[in-house]
Amino acid sequence: MENVVVKIENLVKKYKELTALDHLNLEIKEGEVFGLLGPNGSGKTTTISCLLSLLSFDEGSVEVFGKEMTPVNYEAKKQIGIIMQNVAVFEELTVYENIDYFCGLYIKDKALKKQYVEEAIEFVGLGDFKKFHPKKLSGGLLRRLNIACGIAHKPKLIILDEPTVAVDPQSRNKILEGIVELNKQGATIIYTSHYMEEVEQICTRIAIMDKGKKIAEGTTDQLKRMIKNTETIEIEVKEISDEIISEAGKLPHVYEALHNDGKLIIRCSGGKHNLIRVLDLLQNNNVNFGRVYSELPTLNDVFLEITGTALRDSE
């Protein structure tokens, strides 16, 4: 049986009239990269703050490593690494000194601390910047320093809250690769984002949040199976008769067929070999066609169908 690292039950958090969390339930198992996905304002950061006992809540319970999480549960806190959206480092300390300070909060043995600091610097690729002060670093390098400070003490649970907001593509890729590597080394990861493609790329299981509620949960494949549209086929066709479009609409698993802007658009629900059947129909009726696209659904499609709106990015 897999160990449960985080268990959140019926969590309610209110700010006067606003319900930020509405009876939220989450269970995160050891070894997962668990994605919390949702628009800004959906309750992701509030969830993390309640989980860490940084915020009190109105109802419900939070357990970490099998014990109730409280502001004084230092045993649990020692095993948690936190990388929040806002970079939190000391401007007057160098890269090395910042990581050394944060690591020293948990690791008292000097030789072990030195080893951990060096490993963290190498891990985030800041070896050439050890003596730099934060103000000399680019946004992406600053974000990497923030991560190094949060993971230097080798925590068992690492929480990353929107770690790639406003960073360059190179740093974003480095951060995502680092998260996967930390997981391979044994850490359980909680990753919050409103970037669908990142969550799809690295997370083993995902909860979609909106307006303080969990509206769906599962692996990427499980989430995609929840929606009607499992494949969209687009074929460049200049001329096609209504009769053939109607025939395409009657093919197995097709629920919509239309001709729009020089393209035949076919939407399918389930099934295999949908594209082959459509192309056979066109060839058998001597329909000339150009480029062919077949798109499987993305998490964005899942979010759109479940919530009725696209993922709002309010940045």
Protein backbone atom coordinates (compact mmCIF):
# COMPACT_ATOMS: atom_id res chain seq x y z
CA MET A 1 0.00 0.00 0.00
CA GLU A 2 1.34 3.40 -0.99
CA ASN A 3 2.01 5.85 1.80
CA VAL A 4 -0.20 8.93 1.84
CA VAL A 5 2.01 12.02 2.23
CA VAL A 6 -0.74 14.67 2.25
CA LYS A 7 -4.38 14.18 3.20
CA ILE A 8 -6.76 17.15 3.01
CA GLU A 9 -10.36 16.56 4.06
CA ASN A 10 -13.32 18.93 3.64
CA LEU A 11 -11.14 22.03 3.76
CA VAL A 12 -13.06 25.30 3.94
CA LYS A 13 -11.41 28.73 3.96
CA LYS A 14 -13.46 31.93 3.91
CA TYR A 15 -12.46 35.57 3.62
CA LYS A 16 -15.60 37.38 4.81
CA GLU A 17 -18.05 36.91 1.90
CA LEU A 18 -15.58 35.03 -0.33
CA THR A 19 -15.23 31.26 -0.02
CA ALA A 20 -11.66 30.61 -1.17
CA LEU A 21 -11.80 26.85 -0.52
CA ASP A 22 -15.10 25.00 -0.66
CA HIS A 23 -14.92 21.55 1.02
CA LEU A 24 -11.72 20.55 -0.75
CA ASN A 25 -10.52 16.93 -0.57
CA LEU A 26 -7.07 15.87 -1.77
CA GLU A 27 -4.90 12.81 -1.19
CA ILE A 28 -1.30 12.84 -2.42
CA LYS A 29 0.72 9.63 -2.33
CA GLU A 30 4.43 9.11 -1.88
CA GLY A 31 6.41 9.43 -5.11
CA GLU A 32 3.80 11.39 -7.05
CA VAL A 33 4.27 14.57 -9.03
CA PHE A 34 0.85 15.94 -8.19
CA GLY A 35 -0.39 18.87 -10.25
CA LEU A 36 -2.80 21.45 -8.86
CA LEU A 37 -4.16 23.11 -11.96
CA GLY A 38 -6.43 26.09 -12.18
CA PRO A 39 -6.76 29.76 -13.07
CA ASN A 40 -5.43 32.51 -10.85
CA GLY A 41 -7.89 32.85 -8.00
CA SER A 42 -9.00 29.21 -8.11
CA GLY A 43 -7.63 28.47 -4.62
CA LYS A 44 -4.29 26.80 -5.42
CA THR A 45 -2.10 29.10 -3.33
CA THR A 46 -4.65 29.16 -0.50
CA THR A 47 -4.57 25.34 -0.48
CA ILE A 48 -0.77 25.37 -0.18
CA SER A 49 -0.85 28.00 2.60
CA CYS A 50 -3.39 25.95 4.60
CA LEU A 51 -1.38 22.77 4.00
CA LEU A 52 1.72 24.47 5.45
CA SER A 53 -0.23 25.92 8.42
CA LEU A 54 0.58 29.42 7.22
CA LEU A 55 -3.15 30.13 7.11
CA SER A 56 -5.83 29.04 9.53
CA PHE A 57 -8.95 27.51 7.97
CA ASP A 58 -12.61 27.37 8.94
CA GLU A 59 -13.39 23.67 8.55
CA GLY A 60 -11.69 20.41 7.68
CA SER A 61 -8.34 18.80 8.44
CA VAL A 62 -4.83 18.57 6.99
CA GLU A 63 -2.46 15.67 7.62
CA VAL A 64 1.16 15.51 6.44
CA PHE A 65 3.22 12.32 6.78
CA GLY A 66 0.31 10.77 8.70
CA LYS A 67 0.08 13.46 11.40
CA GLU A 68 -2.04 16.57 11.81
CA MET A 69 -0.26 19.60 10.35
CA THR A 70 0.01 22.47 12.82
CA PRO A 71 2.19 25.61 13.02
CA VAL A 72 4.41 23.77 15.53
CA ASN A 73 4.72 20.43 13.71
CA TYR A 74 8.43 21.02 13.15
CA GLU A 75 9.12 17.35 12.44
CA ALA A 76 6.97 17.60 9.30
CA LYS A 77 8.26 21.05 8.38
CA LYS A 78 11.87 19.79 8.34
CA GLN A 79 10.90 17.35 5.60
CA ILE A 80 9.15 19.94 3.41
CA GLY A 81 10.74 22.20 0.81
CA ILE A 82 8.76 25.24 -0.32
CA ILE A 83 9.28 27.30 -3.46
CA MET A 84 6.63 30.00 -3.60
CA GLN A 85 5.71 32.16 -6.57
CA ASN A 86 7.37 35.27 -5.14
CA VAL A 87 11.14 34.89 -4.94
CA ALA A 88 12.25 35.03 -1.29
CA VAL A 89 16.04 35.42 -0.93
CA PHE A 90 18.33 37.84 0.90
CA GLU A 91 19.63 40.65 -1.34
CA GLU A 92 22.71 41.23 0.84
CA LEU A 93 23.86 37.58 0.60
CA THR A 94 25.54 35.92 -2.38
CA VAL A 95 24.05 32.92 -4.19
CA TYR A 96 26.19 30.55 -2.10
CA GLU A 97 25.43 32.35 1.17
CA ASN A 98 21.67 32.32 0.50
CA ILE A 99 21.59 28.58 -0.11
CA ASP A 100 23.90 27.98 2.86
CA TYR A 101 21.60 29.99 5.13
CA PHE A 102 18.38 28.20 4.14
CA CYS A 103 20.04 24.78 4.24
CA GLY A 104 21.44 25.63 7.69
CA LEU A 105 17.91 26.04 9.06
CA TYR A 106 17.55 22.25 8.81
CA ILE A 107 21.07 20.77 8.55
CA LYS A 108 23.33 21.49 11.53
CA ASP A 109 26.31 19.26 10.61
CA LYS A 110 28.75 21.63 8.84
CA ALA A 111 30.34 19.07 6.52
CA LEU A 112 26.96 17.67 5.46
CA LYS A 113 25.57 21.18 4.99
CA LYS A 114 28.52 22.13 2.74
CA GLN A 115 27.95 19.01 0.65
CA TYR A 116 24.21 19.70 0.33
CA VAL A 117 24.80 23.35 -0.65
CA GLU A 118 27.28 22.35 -3.37
CA GLU A 119 24.88 19.71 -4.66
CA ALA A 120 22.00 22.20 -4.77
CA ILE A 121 24.13 24.73 -6.69
CA GLU A 122 25.12 22.09 -9.22
CA PHE A 123 21.55 20.83 -9.46
CA VAL A 124 20.10 24.20 -10.52
CA GLY A 125 23.10 25.11 -12.71
CA LEU A 126 24.34 28.12 -10.73
CA GLY A 127 27.99 27.02 -10.45
CA ASP A 128 29.22 30.10 -12.35
CA PHE A 129 27.20 32.46 -10.15
CA LYS A 130 28.14 31.42 -6.57
CA LYS A 131 29.56 34.84 -5.67
CA PHE A 132 26.83 36.88 -7.38
CA HIS A 133 24.29 38.84 -5.38
CA PRO A 134 20.61 38.32 -6.34
CA LYS A 135 20.25 41.76 -7.99
CA LYS A 136 22.89 40.73 -10.55
CA LEU A 137 20.88 37.66 -11.63
CA SER A 138 18.32 37.48 -14.45
CA GLY A 139 14.73 36.56 -13.58
CA GLY A 140 15.28 32.95 -14.63
CA LEU A 141 18.49 32.56 -12.60
CA LEU A 142 16.81 34.18 -9.60
CA ARG A 143 14.02 31.63 -9.86
CA ARG A 144 16.63 28.84 -9.92
CA LEU A 145 18.28 30.30 -6.79
CA ASN A 146 14.87 30.29 -5.11
CA ILE A 147 14.49 26.60 -5.95
CA ALA A 148 18.00 25.78 -4.66
CA CYS A 149 17.18 27.47 -1.33
CA GLY A 150 14.01 25.38 -1.02
CA ILE A 151 15.49 21.98 -1.86
CA ALA A 152 19.07 22.13 -0.49
CA HIS A 153 18.14 20.23 2.71
CA LYS A 154 16.79 17.32 0.59
CA PRO A 155 13.15 17.40 1.72
CA LYS A 156 10.80 14.45 1.18
CA LEU A 157 7.92 16.71 0.09
CA ILE A 158 8.58 19.63 -2.26
CA ILE A 159 5.92 22.24 -2.98
CA LEU A 160 6.35 24.46 -6.02
CA ASP A 161 3.82 27.25 -6.45
CA GLU A 162 3.93 28.67 -10.01
CA PRO A 163 7.75 28.38 -10.22
CA THR A 164 7.99 29.25 -13.93
CA VAL A 165 5.91 32.44 -14.05
CA ALA A 166 7.69 35.12 -16.12
CA VAL A 167 10.90 33.18 -16.79
CA ASP A 168 12.69 32.66 -20.10
CA PRO A 169 12.13 29.37 -22.00
CA GLN A 170 15.63 28.06 -21.20
CA SER A 171 15.17 28.54 -17.45
CA ARG A 172 11.64 27.11 -17.67
CA ASN A 173 12.96 23.92 -19.27
CA LYS A 174 15.77 23.70 -16.70
CA ILE A 175 13.25 24.06 -13.85
CA LEU A 176 10.90 21.41 -15.28
CA GLU A 177 13.79 18.97 -15.87
CA GLY A 178 14.92 19.62 -12.29
CA ILE A 179 11.49 18.81 -10.89
CA VAL A 180 11.41 15.48 -12.73
CA GLU A 181 14.92 14.69 -11.43
CA LEU A 182 13.98 15.54 -7.82
CA ASN A 183 11.06 13.15 -8.14
CA LYS A 184 13.35 10.41 -9.48
CA GLN A 185 15.56 10.97 -6.42
CA GLY A 186 12.57 10.13 -4.20
CA ALA A 187 10.80 13.42 -3.47
CA THR A 188 7.03 13.73 -3.63
CA ILE A 189 6.16 16.91 -5.54
CA ILE A 190 3.15 19.21 -5.41
CA TYR A 191 3.18 21.48 -8.43
CA THR A 192 0.73 24.34 -8.90
CA SER A 193 0.39 26.09 -12.23
CA HIS A 194 -1.99 27.63 -14.69
CA TYR A 195 0.27 26.51 -17.56
CA MET A 196 -1.55 23.45 -18.90
CA GLU A 197 1.33 22.17 -21.02
CA GLU A 198 3.74 22.08 -18.05
CA VAL A 199 1.34 20.11 -15.90
CA GLU A 200 0.67 17.72 -18.77
CA GLN A 201 4.43 17.28 -19.27
CA ILE A 202 5.55 16.45 -15.73
CA CYS A 203 2.62 15.46 -13.48
CA THR A 204 1.65 11.86 -12.74
CA ARG A 205 -1.75 12.91 -11.37
CA ILE A 206 -3.68 16.14 -11.57
CA ALA A 207 -6.50 17.91 -9.75
CA ILE A 208 -8.28 20.71 -11.61
CA MET A 209 -9.53 23.48 -9.33
CA ASP A 210 -11.91 26.33 -10.00
CA LYS A 211 -13.57 28.71 -7.54
CA GLY A 212 -12.16 26.85 -4.53
CA LYS A 213 -13.47 23.44 -5.56
CA LYS A 214 -11.86 20.35 -7.04
CA ILE A 215 -13.81 19.81 -10.24
CA ALA A 216 -11.85 16.86 -11.65
CA GLU A 217 -8.98 14.58 -10.69
CA GLY A 218 -6.96 11.82 -12.34
CA THR A 219 -4.04 11.08 -14.64
CA THR A 220 -3.82 13.10 -17.85
CA ASP A 221 -5.35 10.18 -19.78
CA GLN A 222 -8.16 9.73 -17.25
CA LEU A 223 -9.03 13.43 -17.42
CA LYS A 224 -9.07 13.36 -21.21
CA ARG A 225 -11.44 10.38 -21.18
CA MET A 226 -13.93 12.43 -19.14
CA ILE A 227 -14.77 14.64 -22.10
CA LYS A 228 -16.73 13.99 -25.26
CA ASN A 229 -14.15 15.17 -27.79
CA THR A 230 -11.32 12.63 -27.99
CA GLU A 231 -10.00 13.57 -31.45
CA THR A 232 -10.36 16.48 -33.86
CA ILE A 233 -9.47 15.88 -37.51
CA GLU A 234 -8.90 18.81 -39.87
CA ILE A 235 -8.39 18.27 -43.60
CA GLU A 236 -7.78 21.01 -46.16
CA VAL A 237 -10.59 20.57 -48.70
CA LYS A 238 -11.58 23.39 -51.04
CA GLU A 239 -14.68 21.76 -52.52
CA ILE A 240 -16.86 19.09 -50.99
CA SER A 241 -20.56 18.30 -51.36
CA ASP A 242 -23.04 18.45 -48.52
CA GLU A 243 -23.77 14.79 -49.20
CA ILE A 244 -20.19 13.70 -48.44
CA ILE A 245 -20.06 15.92 -45.34
CA SER A 246 -23.26 14.19 -44.20
CA GLU A 247 -21.65 10.78 -44.92
CA ALA A 248 -18.60 11.79 -42.83
CA GLY A 249 -20.94 12.67 -39.98
CA LYS A 250 -22.34 9.14 -40.02
CA LEU A 251 -18.97 7.41 -39.69
CA PRO A 252 -18.41 5.45 -36.43
CA HIS A 253 -17.49 7.62 -33.41
CA VAL A 254 -18.02 10.91 -35.34
CA TYR A 255 -20.37 13.33 -33.61
CA GLU A 256 -19.77 16.43 -35.74
CA ALA A 257 -18.71 17.05 -39.34
CA LEU A 258 -18.61 20.47 -40.97
CA HIS A 259 -16.87 22.37 -43.75
CA ASN A 260 -15.53 25.73 -42.70
CA ASP A 261 -12.93 28.10 -44.16
CA GLY A 262 -11.59 25.56 -46.64
CA LYS A 263 -11.31 22.80 -44.04
CA LEU A 264 -13.31 19.67 -43.34
CA ILE A 265 -13.53 19.44 -39.55
CA ILE A 266 -14.44 16.12 -37.97
CA ARG A 267 -14.90 15.69 -34.22
CA CYS A 268 -14.83 12.21 -32.75
CA SER A 269 -15.70 10.66 -29.43
CA GLY A 270 -13.71 7.51 -28.75
CA GLY A 271 -12.70 4.86 -31.25
CA LYS A 272 -9.54 4.09 -33.19
CA HIS A 273 -8.64 4.53 -36.86
CA ASN A 274 -11.00 7.51 -37.19
CA LEU A 275 -8.61 9.30 -39.54
CA ILE A 276 -8.26 6.27 -41.83
CA ARG A 277 -12.04 6.01 -42.21
CA VAL A 278 -12.37 9.70 -43.08
CA LEU A 279 -9.55 9.56 -45.66
CA ASP A 280 -11.05 6.39 -47.21
CA LEU A 281 -14.38 8.21 -47.59
CA LEU A 282 -12.72 11.15 -49.37
CA GLN A 283 -10.64 8.94 -51.68
CA ASN A 284 -13.60 6.71 -52.58
CA ASN A 285 -15.53 9.84 -53.60
CA ASN A 286 -12.58 11.38 -55.52
CA VAL A 287 -12.38 14.40 -53.20
CA ASN A 288 -9.10 16.29 -53.56
CA PHE A 289 -7.57 17.25 -50.22
CA GLY A 290 -4.40 18.88 -48.92
CA ARG A 291 -2.88 18.86 -45.48
CA VAL A 292 -4.29 16.57 -42.80
CA TYR A 293 -4.19 17.27 -39.05
CA SER A 294 -5.27 14.99 -36.24
CA GLU A 295 -5.34 16.48 -32.74
CA LEU A 296 -5.92 14.62 -29.51
CA PRO A 297 -7.44 16.63 -26.66
CA THR A 298 -5.26 18.69 -24.34
CA LEU A 299 -5.85 19.52 -20.69
CA ASN A 300 -7.11 22.87 -21.95
CA ASP A 301 -9.89 21.04 -23.82
CA VAL A 302 -10.70 19.13 -20.62
CA PHE A 303 -10.87 22.36 -18.62
CA LEU A 304 -12.97 24.05 -21.29
CA GLU A 305 -15.53 21.24 -21.40
CA ILE A 306 -15.72 20.71 -17.62
CA THR A 307 -15.94 24.39 -16.62
CA GLY A 308 -17.43 25.92 -19.77
CA THR A 309 -14.59 28.47 -19.94
CA ALA A 310 -10.99 28.45 -21.09
CA LEU A 311 -8.31 28.59 -18.42
CA ARG A 312 -8.28 32.22 -17.38
CA ASP A 313 -4.82 33.70 -17.26
CA SER A 314 -5.22 36.93 -15.34
CA GLU A 315 -1.58 37.92 -15.40
